[in-house]
């Protein structure tokens, strides 16, 4: 029997939970960062490859290297690479095993807030980017703009106020101005921050709820470990919030991320 289902289980769960929303956001992020023909691009925290593949598709002459801490994500992404212009390697964003000034664009999508030391990771991103190149990142607005998670945590905390500190609204770098402040204090020039918004379309309540049970991210980890009665109570509250009065069918939520970019100074 093939080991592939076990190897890719975590990646598949992430794809169902968040990867499908990363892809439309990735396209807008590539436009924001201004990746140009022939650019060498580094994707820091490449995950299952949404951003790397968006760059390769949008700019066919680009060369993309994705780096992720998870060996499972690296294998999953590499298995889907259709060109040798895109490659994935395992590595730590805080200690990139890459030469100085080797990329025109260094990007990070939905990862910086999960890195233990974001300023250290940003210094590494700057180091490997050519003078005059662009360093850019985007993070979901967990407090207000990522409705999929905002609804979840509102109802989870209403049921159990003791978990309020676990609410992802407390994530670092997810509020307006925070990424821009980090970029400026790290010495990047011409810093620009702006919101990027995508539609999150769900075919049913089950399409919304079931991916949480895969245990991905803080919300998924919380939902998956709840005792069954508490999980059922949370699902009922969420269903009524999203489809009140016993309604069923499709619905759409908004997903907003804050994106920032800055220019590496000449050395």
Protein backbone atom coordinates (compact mmCIF):
# COMPACT_ATOMS: atom_id res chain seq x y z
CA UNK A 1 0.00 0.00 0.00
CA UNK A 2 1.31 3.45 -0.88
CA UNK A 3 2.43 5.73 1.97
CA UNK A 4 1.32 8.80 0.05
CA UNK A 5 -2.03 9.25 1.88
CA UNK A 6 -0.17 9.38 5.24
CA UNK A 7 2.57 11.66 3.91
CA UNK A 8 0.08 14.11 2.42
CA UNK A 9 -2.66 13.91 5.10
CA UNK A 10 -1.61 17.14 6.82
CA UNK A 11 -1.26 18.98 3.51
CA UNK A 12 -4.66 17.78 2.31
CA UNK A 13 -6.25 18.96 5.56
CA UNK A 14 -4.63 22.37 5.16
CA UNK A 15 -5.84 22.61 1.56
CA UNK A 16 -9.43 21.97 2.62
CA UNK A 17 -9.23 24.41 5.52
CA UNK A 18 -7.18 27.38 4.26
CA UNK A 19 -5.32 26.50 1.06
CA UNK A 20 -8.35 27.08 -1.13
CA UNK A 21 -8.54 30.68 0.12
CA UNK A 22 -4.79 31.20 -0.18
CA UNK A 23 -4.96 30.73 -3.95
CA UNK A 24 -7.25 33.67 -4.84
CA UNK A 25 -5.41 35.83 -2.33
CA UNK A 26 -2.07 34.78 -3.84
CA UNK A 27 -3.04 36.14 -7.26
CA UNK A 28 -3.83 39.56 -5.82
CA UNK A 29 -0.65 39.49 -3.74
CA UNK A 30 1.52 38.78 -6.80
CA UNK A 31 0.02 41.82 -8.53
CA UNK A 32 0.63 43.94 -5.42
CA UNK A 33 4.28 42.90 -5.19
CA UNK A 34 4.98 43.69 -8.83
CA UNK A 35 6.82 40.51 -9.82
CA UNK A 36 8.39 41.19 -13.23
CA UNK A 37 9.52 39.08 -16.17
CA UNK A 38 12.66 37.08 -15.43
CA UNK A 39 12.58 37.73 -11.68
CA UNK A 40 14.09 35.26 -9.25
CA UNK A 41 11.45 34.96 -6.51
CA UNK A 42 11.70 33.47 -3.03
CA UNK A 43 8.50 32.29 -1.31
CA UNK A 44 9.15 32.14 2.45
CA UNK A 45 6.78 29.78 4.25
CA UNK A 46 5.57 28.36 0.95
CA UNK A 47 3.23 25.80 2.54
CA UNK A 48 1.34 23.81 -0.08
CA UNK A 49 2.60 26.11 -2.85
CA UNK A 50 -0.28 28.54 -3.51
CA UNK A 51 1.92 31.63 -3.83
CA UNK A 52 4.75 29.92 -5.72
CA UNK A 53 2.35 28.56 -8.31
CA UNK A 54 0.56 31.92 -8.60
CA UNK A 55 3.89 33.63 -9.35
CA UNK A 56 4.83 30.99 -11.95
CA UNK A 57 1.44 31.28 -13.64
CA UNK A 58 1.30 35.08 -13.62
CA UNK A 59 4.91 35.60 -14.73
CA UNK A 60 5.91 32.59 -16.88
CA UNK A 61 9.56 33.64 -17.14
CA UNK A 62 10.04 33.91 -13.36
CA UNK A 63 12.05 31.39 -11.34
CA UNK A 64 10.56 30.51 -7.96
CA UNK A 65 12.05 28.88 -4.87
CA UNK A 66 9.68 27.95 -2.06
CA UNK A 67 11.02 27.40 1.46
CA UNK A 68 8.95 25.83 4.24
CA UNK A 69 9.70 24.38 7.65
CA UNK A 70 7.35 21.42 7.08
CA UNK A 71 8.83 18.52 5.10
CA UNK A 72 5.29 17.28 4.40
CA UNK A 73 4.28 20.61 2.82
CA UNK A 74 7.49 20.67 0.76
CA UNK A 75 6.82 17.18 -0.61
CA UNK A 76 3.19 18.02 -1.31
CA UNK A 77 4.07 21.22 -3.18
CA UNK A 78 6.93 19.65 -5.16
CA UNK A 79 4.66 16.82 -6.28
CA UNK A 80 2.45 19.45 -7.95
CA UNK A 81 5.20 21.47 -9.61
CA UNK A 82 4.77 21.36 -13.38
CA UNK A 83 8.04 23.07 -14.30
CA UNK A 84 11.64 23.06 -13.17
CA UNK A 85 11.24 26.84 -12.81
CA UNK A 86 9.52 26.10 -9.48
CA UNK A 87 11.26 24.19 -6.71
CA UNK A 88 10.62 23.66 -3.02
CA UNK A 89 13.11 23.09 -0.21
CA UNK A 90 12.82 22.57 3.52
CA UNK A 91 14.20 25.37 5.67
CA UNK A 92 13.75 27.82 8.54
CA UNK A 93 12.62 31.36 7.68
CA UNK A 94 14.76 32.63 10.57
CA UNK A 95 17.96 31.08 9.14
CA UNK A 96 17.66 30.78 5.37
CA UNK A 97 20.34 28.58 3.83
CA UNK A 98 20.55 30.80 0.76
CA UNK A 99 23.19 33.24 -0.57
CA UNK A 100 23.08 36.99 0.01
CA UNK A 101 21.37 39.16 -2.62
CA UNK A 102 20.15 36.24 -4.73
CA UNK A 103 16.46 37.16 -5.31
CA UNK A 104 14.67 40.06 -7.00
CA UNK A 105 11.52 39.53 -4.93
CA UNK A 106 11.20 37.83 -1.54
CA UNK A 107 7.60 37.18 -0.56
CA UNK A 108 5.72 35.63 2.35
CA UNK A 109 2.00 34.87 2.35
CA UNK A 110 0.03 34.21 5.57
CA UNK A 111 3.09 33.10 7.52
CA UNK A 112 4.89 35.98 9.29
CA UNK A 113 2.54 35.93 12.30
CA UNK A 114 3.34 32.24 12.94
CA UNK A 115 7.13 32.68 12.90
CA UNK A 116 8.57 32.78 16.44
CA UNK A 117 10.79 35.81 15.69
CA UNK A 118 9.32 37.86 12.80
CA UNK A 119 12.02 40.59 12.86
CA UNK A 120 14.72 37.93 12.57
CA UNK A 121 12.93 36.32 9.65
CA UNK A 122 12.53 39.71 7.98
CA UNK A 123 16.26 40.40 8.35
CA UNK A 124 16.92 37.10 6.58
CA UNK A 125 14.45 38.00 3.82
CA UNK A 126 16.24 41.33 3.33
CA UNK A 127 19.65 39.64 3.33
CA UNK A 128 18.80 37.29 0.47
CA UNK A 129 17.15 40.03 -1.63
CA UNK A 130 19.14 42.12 -4.10
CA UNK A 131 19.61 45.85 -3.40
CA UNK A 132 16.68 47.61 -5.01
CA UNK A 133 14.59 44.42 -4.79
CA UNK A 134 11.25 44.05 -3.05
CA UNK A 135 10.41 42.30 0.22
CA UNK A 136 6.70 41.75 0.78
CA UNK A 137 4.28 39.91 3.06
CA UNK A 138 0.56 39.56 3.70
CA UNK A 139 -1.36 38.40 6.78
CA UNK A 140 -5.07 37.86 7.35
CA UNK A 141 -6.86 40.56 9.34
CA UNK A 142 -7.91 38.15 12.10
CA UNK A 143 -9.56 40.83 14.20
CA UNK A 144 -12.10 42.14 11.73
CA UNK A 145 -11.49 41.21 8.11
CA UNK A 146 -11.24 37.39 8.02
CA UNK A 147 -14.93 36.61 8.50
CA UNK A 148 -14.53 32.82 8.33
CA UNK A 149 -12.43 32.88 11.52
CA UNK A 150 -14.09 35.90 13.11
CA UNK A 151 -17.45 34.11 13.15
CA UNK A 152 -15.83 30.96 14.56
CA UNK A 153 -14.10 32.69 17.45
CA UNK A 154 -17.06 34.94 18.29
CA UNK A 155 -19.24 31.88 18.83
CA UNK A 156 -16.53 29.77 20.49
CA UNK A 157 -15.80 32.51 23.05
CA UNK A 158 -19.52 33.08 23.64
CA UNK A 159 -19.78 29.41 24.65
CA UNK A 160 -16.58 29.40 26.71
CA UNK A 161 -15.25 32.86 27.71
CA UNK A 162 -12.15 31.24 29.26
CA UNK A 163 -10.68 30.65 25.77
CA UNK A 164 -10.74 34.33 24.77
CA UNK A 165 -6.95 34.51 24.81
CA UNK A 166 -6.86 31.85 22.09
CA UNK A 167 -8.89 34.05 19.73
CA UNK A 168 -6.74 34.74 16.66
CA UNK A 169 -7.56 38.45 16.91
CA UNK A 170 -4.58 38.51 19.30
CA UNK A 171 -2.20 37.32 16.58
CA UNK A 172 0.77 39.65 15.98
CA UNK A 173 1.05 41.74 12.82
CA UNK A 174 -2.60 41.27 11.79
CA UNK A 175 -3.84 44.83 12.35
CA UNK A 176 -3.62 47.82 10.04
CA UNK A 177 -0.20 49.46 10.23
CA UNK A 178 1.63 46.71 12.11
CA UNK A 179 3.35 45.15 9.11
CA UNK A 180 4.27 48.57 7.74
CA UNK A 181 5.83 49.53 11.09
CA UNK A 182 7.96 46.36 11.12
CA UNK A 183 9.07 46.95 7.52
CA UNK A 184 10.13 50.54 8.30
CA UNK A 185 11.98 49.70 11.51
CA UNK A 186 13.88 47.01 9.59
CA UNK A 187 15.28 49.63 7.24
CA UNK A 188 13.21 49.01 4.12
CA UNK A 189 12.43 52.00 1.91
CA UNK A 190 9.26 53.13 0.10
CA UNK A 191 7.06 51.04 2.36
CA UNK A 192 3.46 50.59 1.18
CA UNK A 193 0.67 48.76 3.00
CA UNK A 194 -2.81 48.04 1.63
CA UNK A 195 -5.72 45.63 2.17
CA UNK A 196 -6.35 42.71 -0.17
CA UNK A 197 -9.87 41.22 -0.12
CA UNK A 198 -11.22 37.94 -1.50
CA UNK A 199 -14.61 36.21 -1.41
CA UNK A 200 -14.82 32.96 0.56
CA UNK A 201 -17.68 31.03 -1.07
CA UNK A 202 -19.13 28.02 0.78
CA UNK A 203 -21.54 25.59 -0.85
CA UNK A 204 -23.16 24.67 2.48
CA UNK A 205 -22.67 24.84 6.24
CA UNK A 206 -20.84 21.49 6.08
CA UNK A 207 -18.42 22.99 3.54
CA UNK A 208 -17.63 25.66 6.15
CA UNK A 209 -17.57 23.43 9.26
CA UNK A 210 -15.95 20.14 8.25
CA UNK A 211 -12.49 21.61 7.39
CA UNK A 212 -12.17 22.87 10.98
CA UNK A 213 -12.23 19.27 12.17
CA UNK A 214 -8.97 18.54 10.33
CA UNK A 215 -7.13 20.28 13.17
CA UNK A 216 -5.38 22.92 11.06
CA UNK A 217 -4.46 26.29 12.56
CA UNK A 218 -5.46 27.53 16.03
CA UNK A 219 -9.19 27.37 15.26
CA UNK A 220 -9.01 23.90 13.78
CA UNK A 221 -6.89 22.61 16.64
CA UNK A 222 -9.45 23.93 19.12
CA UNK A 223 -12.48 22.51 17.27
CA UNK A 224 -10.92 19.10 16.68
CA UNK A 225 -10.11 18.59 20.38
CA UNK A 226 -13.49 19.61 21.78
CA UNK A 227 -15.57 16.90 23.45
CA UNK A 228 -18.43 15.87 21.18
CA UNK A 229 -21.22 17.67 23.12
CA UNK A 230 -19.26 20.95 23.12
CA UNK A 231 -18.37 20.53 19.44
CA UNK A 232 -22.02 19.95 18.55
CA UNK A 233 -23.06 23.03 20.53
CA UNK A 234 -20.49 25.16 18.71
CA UNK A 235 -21.57 23.79 15.32
CA UNK A 236 -25.19 24.63 16.14
CA UNK A 237 -24.33 28.22 17.07
CA UNK A 238 -22.26 28.65 13.92
CA UNK A 239 -24.99 27.21 11.71
CA UNK A 240 -27.56 29.59 13.18
CA UNK A 241 -25.15 32.53 12.80
CA UNK A 242 -24.35 31.77 9.17
CA UNK A 243 -27.74 30.41 8.05
CA UNK A 244 -30.34 31.75 10.48
CA UNK A 245 -33.93 30.54 10.80
CA UNK A 246 -33.13 27.04 9.60
CA UNK A 247 -31.99 28.12 6.15
CA UNK A 248 -29.64 25.98 4.07
CA UNK A 249 -27.54 26.42 0.96
CA UNK A 250 -24.57 28.45 -0.16
CA UNK A 251 -23.20 31.61 1.42
CA UNK A 252 -20.19 33.91 1.00
CA UNK A 253 -17.90 35.53 3.56
CA UNK A 254 -15.19 38.12 3.09
CA UNK A 255 -11.51 37.53 3.69
CA UNK A 256 -9.28 40.57 4.12
CA UNK A 257 -5.51 40.52 4.49
CA UNK A 258 -3.04 43.33 5.09
CA UNK A 259 -0.20 43.37 2.55
CA UNK A 260 3.06 45.29 2.80
CA UNK A 261 6.06 45.81 0.53
CA UNK A 262 9.32 47.69 0.79
CA UNK A 263 12.49 48.25 -1.21
CA UNK A 264 15.86 46.87 -0.03
CA UNK A 265 18.29 49.82 0.23
CA UNK A 266 21.41 49.99 -1.89
CA UNK A 267 24.44 48.72 0.03
